[in-house]
């Protein structure tokens, strides 16, 4: 790939991402759309975690990916605090590091 093509694609991507905020910044967001957009992370993040944890090649096996995800899920379900997400991700990373250290 050449540099002019790469730069043109980068400019096109930036333009496409800027169109929405530039065109609709002055308009108020309808309540139904605000509720839908606020719920998107709740739908997208579990899907990303599931697709990264349960790969089609390995299936559902107890490997170094599934155990930390389960620990984070249990932690989030038990604590149920609003600002617990960052701490749960740190715990998940620590469990992953511990499992990889113990199995290496």
N, C-alpha and C. Protein backbone atom coordinates (compact mmCIF):
# COMPACT_ATOMS: atom_id res chain seq x y z
N UNK A 1 0.85 -1.17 0.00
CA UNK A 1 0.00 0.00 0.00
C UNK A 1 0.90 1.23 0.00
N UNK A 2 0.52 2.19 -0.77
CA UNK A 2 1.34 3.40 -0.85
C UNK A 2 0.86 4.45 0.15
N UNK A 3 1.74 5.40 0.42
CA UNK A 3 1.43 6.45 1.39
C UNK A 3 0.26 7.32 0.97
N UNK A 4 0.14 7.71 -0.30
CA UNK A 4 -1.03 8.54 -0.68
C UNK A 4 -2.37 7.83 -0.43
N UNK A 5 -2.40 6.53 -0.69
CA UNK A 5 -3.64 5.78 -0.43
C UNK A 5 -3.93 5.74 1.06
N UNK A 6 -2.91 5.50 1.86
CA UNK A 6 -3.09 5.45 3.31
C UNK A 6 -3.57 6.79 3.86
N UNK A 7 -3.00 7.88 3.39
CA UNK A 7 -3.40 9.22 3.84
C UNK A 7 -4.83 9.53 3.38
N UNK A 8 -5.17 9.14 2.14
CA UNK A 8 -6.53 9.37 1.64
C UNK A 8 -7.55 8.59 2.47
N UNK A 9 -7.23 7.35 2.83
CA UNK A 9 -8.14 6.56 3.66
C UNK A 9 -8.27 7.15 5.06
N UNK A 10 -7.18 7.67 5.61
CA UNK A 10 -7.24 8.29 6.93
C UNK A 10 -8.10 9.55 6.90
N UNK A 11 -7.95 10.36 5.87
CA UNK A 11 -8.77 11.57 5.74
C UNK A 11 -10.24 11.21 5.54
N UNK A 12 -10.51 10.19 4.74
CA UNK A 12 -11.89 9.75 4.55
C UNK A 12 -12.52 9.24 5.83
N UNK A 13 -11.76 8.49 6.61
CA UNK A 13 -12.26 7.99 7.88
C UNK A 13 -12.55 9.14 8.83
N UNK A 14 -11.64 10.09 8.91
CA UNK A 14 -11.85 11.25 9.77
C UNK A 14 -13.07 12.05 9.32
N UNK A 15 -13.25 12.21 8.02
CA UNK A 15 -14.41 12.95 7.52
C UNK A 15 -15.72 12.24 7.86
N UNK A 16 -15.75 10.93 7.70
CA UNK A 16 -16.96 10.18 8.02
C UNK A 16 -17.29 10.25 9.52
N UNK A 17 -16.27 10.22 10.36
CA UNK A 17 -16.52 10.30 11.80
C UNK A 17 -16.93 11.71 12.22
N UNK A 18 -16.52 12.72 11.48
CA UNK A 18 -16.83 14.10 11.85
C UNK A 18 -18.19 14.55 11.34
N UNK A 19 -18.77 13.85 10.37
CA UNK A 19 -20.03 14.28 9.78
C UNK A 19 -21.15 14.32 10.83
N UNK A 20 -21.28 13.28 11.61
CA UNK A 20 -22.36 13.21 12.60
C UNK A 20 -22.33 14.34 13.60
N UNK A 21 -21.22 14.52 14.33
CA UNK A 21 -21.18 15.63 15.29
C UNK A 21 -21.32 17.01 14.65
N UNK A 22 -20.79 17.20 13.46
CA UNK A 22 -20.89 18.51 12.82
C UNK A 22 -22.31 18.82 12.35
N UNK A 23 -23.01 17.82 11.86
CA UNK A 23 -24.36 18.06 11.35
C UNK A 23 -25.42 18.12 12.44
N UNK A 24 -25.25 17.31 13.50
CA UNK A 24 -26.30 17.17 14.50
C UNK A 24 -25.94 17.73 15.87
N UNK A 25 -24.89 18.54 15.97
CA UNK A 25 -24.47 19.06 17.27
C UNK A 25 -25.46 20.05 17.85
N UNK A 26 -26.15 20.82 17.03
CA UNK A 26 -27.07 21.83 17.53
C UNK A 26 -28.45 21.28 17.86
N UNK A 27 -28.77 20.10 17.40
CA UNK A 27 -30.09 19.52 17.62
C UNK A 27 -30.13 18.77 18.95
N UNK A 28 -31.23 18.86 19.67
CA UNK A 28 -31.35 18.07 20.90
C UNK A 28 -31.58 16.59 20.56
N UNK A 29 -31.06 15.75 21.40
CA UNK A 29 -31.20 14.31 21.20
C UNK A 29 -32.54 13.87 21.78
N UNK A 30 -33.35 13.14 21.01
CA UNK A 30 -34.63 12.66 21.54
C UNK A 30 -34.39 11.69 22.72
N UNK A 31 -35.29 11.67 23.68
CA UNK A 31 -35.10 10.81 24.86
C UNK A 31 -34.95 9.33 24.51
N UNK A 32 -35.72 8.85 23.53
CA UNK A 32 -35.62 7.43 23.19
C UNK A 32 -34.26 7.10 22.61
N UNK A 33 -33.67 8.02 21.87
CA UNK A 33 -32.34 7.78 21.30
C UNK A 33 -31.27 7.86 22.39
N UNK A 34 -31.42 8.78 23.32
CA UNK A 34 -30.46 8.89 24.42
C UNK A 34 -30.46 7.62 25.26
N UNK A 35 -31.64 7.05 25.52
CA UNK A 35 -31.72 5.79 26.28
C UNK A 35 -31.07 4.65 25.52
N UNK A 36 -31.31 4.60 24.21
CA UNK A 36 -30.73 3.53 23.39
C UNK A 36 -29.22 3.64 23.35
N UNK A 37 -28.70 4.84 23.16
CA UNK A 37 -27.25 5.03 23.07
C UNK A 37 -26.59 4.74 24.42
N UNK A 38 -27.26 5.10 25.51
CA UNK A 38 -26.67 4.83 26.83
C UNK A 38 -26.65 3.34 27.14
N UNK A 39 -27.51 2.55 26.51
CA UNK A 39 -27.53 1.11 26.74
C UNK A 39 -26.59 0.33 25.83
N UNK A 40 -26.02 0.98 24.82
CA UNK A 40 -25.15 0.28 23.88
C UNK A 40 -23.93 -0.38 24.53
N UNK A 41 -23.20 0.29 25.43
CA UNK A 41 -22.06 -0.39 26.04
C UNK A 41 -22.44 -1.66 26.80
N UNK A 42 -23.65 -1.66 27.39
CA UNK A 42 -24.10 -2.85 28.11
C UNK A 42 -24.32 -4.02 27.17
N UNK A 43 -24.59 -3.75 25.92
CA UNK A 43 -24.78 -4.82 24.95
C UNK A 43 -23.50 -5.17 24.21
N UNK A 44 -22.68 -4.18 23.93
CA UNK A 44 -21.49 -4.41 23.12
C UNK A 44 -20.36 -5.05 23.93
N UNK A 45 -20.13 -4.58 25.16
CA UNK A 45 -18.99 -5.08 25.92
C UNK A 45 -19.09 -6.58 26.22
N UNK A 46 -20.24 -7.10 26.68
CA UNK A 46 -20.31 -8.56 26.87
C UNK A 46 -20.10 -9.34 25.58
N UNK A 47 -20.58 -8.80 24.46
CA UNK A 47 -20.37 -9.48 23.19
C UNK A 47 -18.88 -9.52 22.83
N UNK A 48 -18.16 -8.44 23.07
CA UNK A 48 -16.73 -8.43 22.80
C UNK A 48 -15.98 -9.39 23.72
N UNK A 49 -16.36 -9.41 24.99
CA UNK A 49 -15.71 -10.33 25.93
C UNK A 49 -16.00 -11.77 25.55
N UNK A 50 -17.24 -12.08 25.20
CA UNK A 50 -17.60 -13.45 24.83
C UNK A 50 -16.88 -13.89 23.56
N UNK A 51 -16.79 -13.00 22.57
CA UNK A 51 -16.11 -13.40 21.33
C UNK A 51 -14.61 -13.55 21.53
N UNK A 52 -14.02 -12.78 22.46
CA UNK A 52 -12.59 -12.92 22.71
C UNK A 52 -12.29 -14.11 23.62
N UNK A 53 -13.23 -14.43 24.50
CA UNK A 53 -12.99 -15.51 25.47
C UNK A 53 -13.31 -16.88 24.88
N UNK A 54 -14.41 -16.97 24.20
CA UNK A 54 -14.86 -18.26 23.66
C UNK A 54 -14.60 -18.28 22.16
N UNK A 55 -13.41 -18.70 21.79
CA UNK A 55 -13.09 -18.74 20.36
C UNK A 55 -13.67 -20.01 19.74
N UNK A 56 -14.01 -19.97 18.46
CA UNK A 56 -14.59 -21.15 17.83
C UNK A 56 -13.62 -22.33 17.75
N UNK A 57 -12.32 -22.05 17.74
CA UNK A 57 -11.36 -23.15 17.61
C UNK A 57 -11.22 -23.94 18.91
N UNK A 58 -11.25 -23.23 20.06
CA UNK A 58 -11.05 -23.95 21.32
C UNK A 58 -12.36 -24.30 22.00
N UNK A 59 -13.46 -23.68 21.61
CA UNK A 59 -14.73 -23.95 22.26
C UNK A 59 -14.72 -23.38 23.67
N UNK A 60 -15.54 -23.94 24.52
CA UNK A 60 -15.61 -23.46 25.90
C UNK A 60 -14.76 -24.37 26.77
N UNK A 61 -13.51 -23.99 26.93
CA UNK A 61 -12.60 -24.76 27.77
C UNK A 61 -12.06 -23.86 28.86
N UNK A 62 -11.65 -24.46 29.95
CA UNK A 62 -11.11 -23.68 31.06
C UNK A 62 -9.66 -23.34 30.75
N UNK A 63 -9.47 -22.24 30.07
CA UNK A 63 -8.12 -21.80 29.75
C UNK A 63 -7.86 -20.47 30.43
N UNK A 64 -6.76 -19.83 30.06
CA UNK A 64 -6.37 -18.58 30.73
C UNK A 64 -7.27 -17.42 30.35
N UNK A 65 -8.18 -17.60 29.42
CA UNK A 65 -9.10 -16.52 29.05
C UNK A 65 -10.43 -16.59 29.79
N UNK A 66 -10.94 -17.78 29.98
CA UNK A 66 -12.27 -17.94 30.56
C UNK A 66 -12.28 -17.72 32.07
N UNK A 67 -11.25 -18.14 32.76
CA UNK A 67 -11.22 -18.02 34.22
C UNK A 67 -11.21 -16.56 34.66
N UNK A 68 -10.36 -15.66 34.11
CA UNK A 68 -10.44 -14.25 34.52
C UNK A 68 -11.78 -13.60 34.17
N UNK A 69 -12.36 -13.97 33.04
CA UNK A 69 -13.67 -13.42 32.69
C UNK A 69 -14.72 -13.83 33.71
N UNK A 70 -14.65 -15.07 34.15
CA UNK A 70 -15.60 -15.53 35.18
C UNK A 70 -15.36 -14.83 36.51
N UNK A 71 -14.11 -14.61 36.87
CA UNK A 71 -13.80 -13.91 38.11
C UNK A 71 -14.33 -12.48 38.07
N UNK A 72 -14.14 -11.78 36.95
CA UNK A 72 -14.64 -10.41 36.81
C UNK A 72 -16.16 -10.40 36.87
N UNK A 73 -16.81 -11.35 36.21
CA UNK A 73 -18.27 -11.42 36.24
C UNK A 73 -18.79 -11.63 37.65
N UNK A 74 -18.19 -12.56 38.38
CA UNK A 74 -18.61 -12.82 39.76
C UNK A 74 -18.37 -11.59 40.63
N UNK A 75 -17.22 -10.94 40.45
CA UNK A 75 -16.92 -9.74 41.23
C UNK A 75 -17.93 -8.63 40.96
N UNK A 76 -18.25 -8.41 39.70
CA UNK A 76 -19.22 -7.36 39.37
C UNK A 76 -20.61 -7.70 39.88
N UNK A 77 -20.98 -8.98 39.85
CA UNK A 77 -22.30 -9.36 40.34
C UNK A 77 -22.39 -9.29 41.87
N UNK A 78 -21.30 -9.60 42.56
CA UNK A 78 -21.32 -9.57 44.02
C UNK A 78 -21.24 -8.16 44.58
N UNK A 79 -20.43 -7.30 44.00
CA UNK A 79 -20.21 -5.98 44.58
C UNK A 79 -21.33 -5.01 44.18
N UNK A 80 -21.70 -4.99 42.92
CA UNK A 80 -22.79 -4.15 42.40
C UNK A 80 -22.68 -2.69 42.81
N UNK A 81 -21.50 -2.11 42.60
CA UNK A 81 -21.30 -0.69 42.80
C UNK A 81 -21.17 -0.04 41.44
N UNK A 82 -21.49 1.23 41.37
CA UNK A 82 -21.51 1.91 40.08
C UNK A 82 -20.10 2.09 39.51
N UNK A 83 -19.12 2.40 40.33
CA UNK A 83 -17.78 2.70 39.85
C UNK A 83 -16.82 1.53 40.04
N UNK A 84 -17.31 0.32 39.97
CA UNK A 84 -16.49 -0.85 40.23
C UNK A 84 -15.86 -1.44 38.96
N UNK A 85 -16.22 -0.92 37.80
CA UNK A 85 -15.79 -1.52 36.54
C UNK A 85 -14.28 -1.49 36.37
N UNK A 86 -13.65 -0.36 36.66
CA UNK A 86 -12.20 -0.27 36.51
C UNK A 86 -11.46 -1.21 37.44
N UNK A 87 -11.91 -1.29 38.68
CA UNK A 87 -11.28 -2.21 39.63
C UNK A 87 -11.47 -3.66 39.21
N UNK A 88 -12.62 -3.97 38.65
CA UNK A 88 -12.87 -5.33 38.19
C UNK A 88 -11.95 -5.69 37.02
N UNK A 89 -11.67 -4.73 36.14
CA UNK A 89 -10.75 -4.99 35.02
C UNK A 89 -9.33 -5.21 35.54
N UNK A 90 -8.94 -4.47 36.57
CA UNK A 90 -7.61 -4.66 37.16
C UNK A 90 -7.51 -6.03 37.80
N UNK A 91 -8.57 -6.45 38.49
CA UNK A 91 -8.58 -7.79 39.09
C UNK A 91 -8.51 -8.85 38.00
N UNK A 92 -9.23 -8.65 36.90
CA UNK A 92 -9.17 -9.61 35.79
C UNK A 92 -7.78 -9.70 35.18
N UNK A 93 -7.12 -8.55 35.04
CA UNK A 93 -5.74 -8.56 34.52
C UNK A 93 -4.80 -9.26 35.49
N UNK A 94 -5.00 -9.03 36.79
CA UNK A 94 -4.15 -9.69 37.78
C UNK A 94 -4.36 -11.19 37.79
N UNK A 95 -5.60 -11.63 37.65
CA UNK A 95 -5.88 -13.08 37.60
C UNK A 95 -5.27 -13.68 36.34
N UNK A 96 -5.35 -12.98 35.22
CA UNK A 96 -4.73 -13.46 33.99
C UNK A 96 -3.22 -13.59 34.16
N UNK A 97 -2.60 -12.57 34.74
CA UNK A 97 -1.14 -12.62 34.96
C UNK A 97 -0.77 -13.76 35.90
N UNK A 98 -1.56 -13.96 36.94
CA UNK A 98 -1.28 -15.05 37.88
C UNK A 98 -1.41 -16.42 37.21
N UNK A 99 -2.44 -16.60 36.41
CA UNK A 99 -2.62 -17.89 35.73
C UNK A 99 -1.49 -18.13 34.74
N UNK A 100 -1.10 -17.12 34.00
CA UNK A 100 0.00 -17.29 33.04
C UNK A 100 1.32 -17.53 33.75
N UNK A 101 1.52 -16.91 34.92
CA UNK A 101 2.74 -17.16 35.69
C UNK A 101 2.77 -18.59 36.23
N UNK A 102 1.64 -19.05 36.72
CA UNK A 102 1.58 -20.38 37.30
C UNK A 102 1.66 -21.50 36.24
N UNK A 103 1.20 -21.22 35.03
CA UNK A 103 1.21 -22.26 34.00
C UNK A 103 2.44 -22.21 33.10
N UNK A 104 3.31 -21.24 33.31
CA UNK A 104 4.49 -21.18 32.44
C UNK A 104 5.67 -21.90 33.05
